[in-house]
């Protein structure tokens, strides 16, 4: 994981909200943007604030793990 203290040039990234974000509660939204070298994650309420950047394989491992964890 790469921790960034500012959003940098986020204008070049195409951000989308998580399909698991609760649209009835705008305080719980996460946005993700994929780039060739990293997957970026930020809080949708603070688009110019800090974001996390993960190597693509680390993000794939994380999403696979969480998908398995939420299965009944």
Protein backbone atom coordinates (compact mmCIF):
# COMPACT_ATOMS: atom_id res chain seq x y z
CA UNK A 1 0.00 0.00 0.00
CA UNK A 2 1.12 3.51 -0.78
CA UNK A 3 -0.13 6.22 1.58
CA UNK A 4 -0.53 9.68 0.06
CA UNK A 5 -1.07 12.84 2.06
CA UNK A 6 -2.79 14.77 -0.74
CA UNK A 7 -4.98 13.92 -3.66
CA UNK A 8 -2.36 15.15 -6.11
CA UNK A 9 -3.57 15.34 -9.70
CA UNK A 10 -6.76 13.40 -9.19
CA UNK A 11 -8.34 15.10 -12.22
CA UNK A 12 -6.78 12.46 -14.48
CA UNK A 13 -8.35 9.60 -12.54
CA UNK A 14 -11.86 8.34 -13.22
CA UNK A 15 -13.47 7.89 -9.80
CA UNK A 16 -16.54 5.76 -9.05
CA UNK A 17 -18.42 5.00 -5.85
CA UNK A 18 -18.43 1.58 -4.34
CA UNK A 19 -21.53 -0.43 -5.16
CA UNK A 20 -21.68 -1.19 -1.43
CA UNK A 21 -21.92 2.48 -0.45
CA UNK A 22 -25.23 3.23 1.20
CA UNK A 23 -26.94 5.86 -0.98
CA UNK A 24 -29.31 6.72 1.88
CA UNK A 25 -26.36 7.73 4.08
CA UNK A 26 -23.93 9.97 2.18
CA UNK A 27 -21.49 9.83 5.11
CA UNK A 28 -20.42 6.30 4.21
CA UNK A 29 -19.17 6.57 0.62
CA UNK A 30 -15.90 5.30 -0.75
CA UNK A 31 -14.64 6.11 -4.25
CA UNK A 32 -12.15 4.09 -6.24
CA UNK A 33 -10.07 4.93 -9.33
CA UNK A 34 -7.94 2.41 -11.19
CA UNK A 35 -4.70 3.38 -12.91
CA UNK A 36 -2.11 1.09 -14.51
CA UNK A 37 0.23 1.21 -11.53
CA UNK A 38 -2.20 1.65 -8.61
CA UNK A 39 -5.79 1.53 -7.40
CA UNK A 40 -6.68 4.72 -5.54
CA UNK A 41 -9.27 4.93 -2.75
CA UNK A 42 -10.68 8.11 -1.21
CA UNK A 43 -13.52 9.41 0.94
CA UNK A 44 -16.17 10.87 -1.36
CA UNK A 45 -16.90 13.65 1.16
CA UNK A 46 -13.31 14.91 0.90
CA UNK A 47 -12.31 14.53 -2.75
CA UNK A 48 -9.29 16.82 -2.41
CA UNK A 49 -8.10 15.19 0.79
CA UNK A 50 -5.90 12.17 1.41
CA UNK A 51 -6.27 8.94 -0.50
CA UNK A 52 -4.72 5.51 -0.38
CA UNK A 53 -3.04 3.87 -3.34
CA UNK A 54 -2.67 0.09 -3.57
CA UNK A 55 -0.71 -2.01 -6.01
CA UNK A 56 -3.22 -3.70 -8.34
CA UNK A 57 -2.50 -7.20 -7.00
CA UNK A 58 -2.92 -6.05 -3.40
CA UNK A 59 -6.30 -4.51 -4.30
CA UNK A 60 -7.39 -7.70 -6.08
CA UNK A 61 -6.40 -9.76 -3.03
CA UNK A 62 -8.29 -7.38 -0.73
CA UNK A 63 -11.49 -7.43 -2.80
CA UNK A 64 -11.38 -11.24 -3.09
CA UNK A 65 -10.94 -11.56 0.65
CA UNK A 66 -13.78 -9.18 1.47
CA UNK A 67 -16.10 -10.86 -1.03
CA UNK A 68 -15.51 -14.19 0.69
CA UNK A 69 -15.92 -12.65 4.15
CA UNK A 70 -19.41 -11.30 3.42
CA UNK A 71 -20.79 -14.54 1.99
CA UNK A 72 -23.26 -16.25 4.31
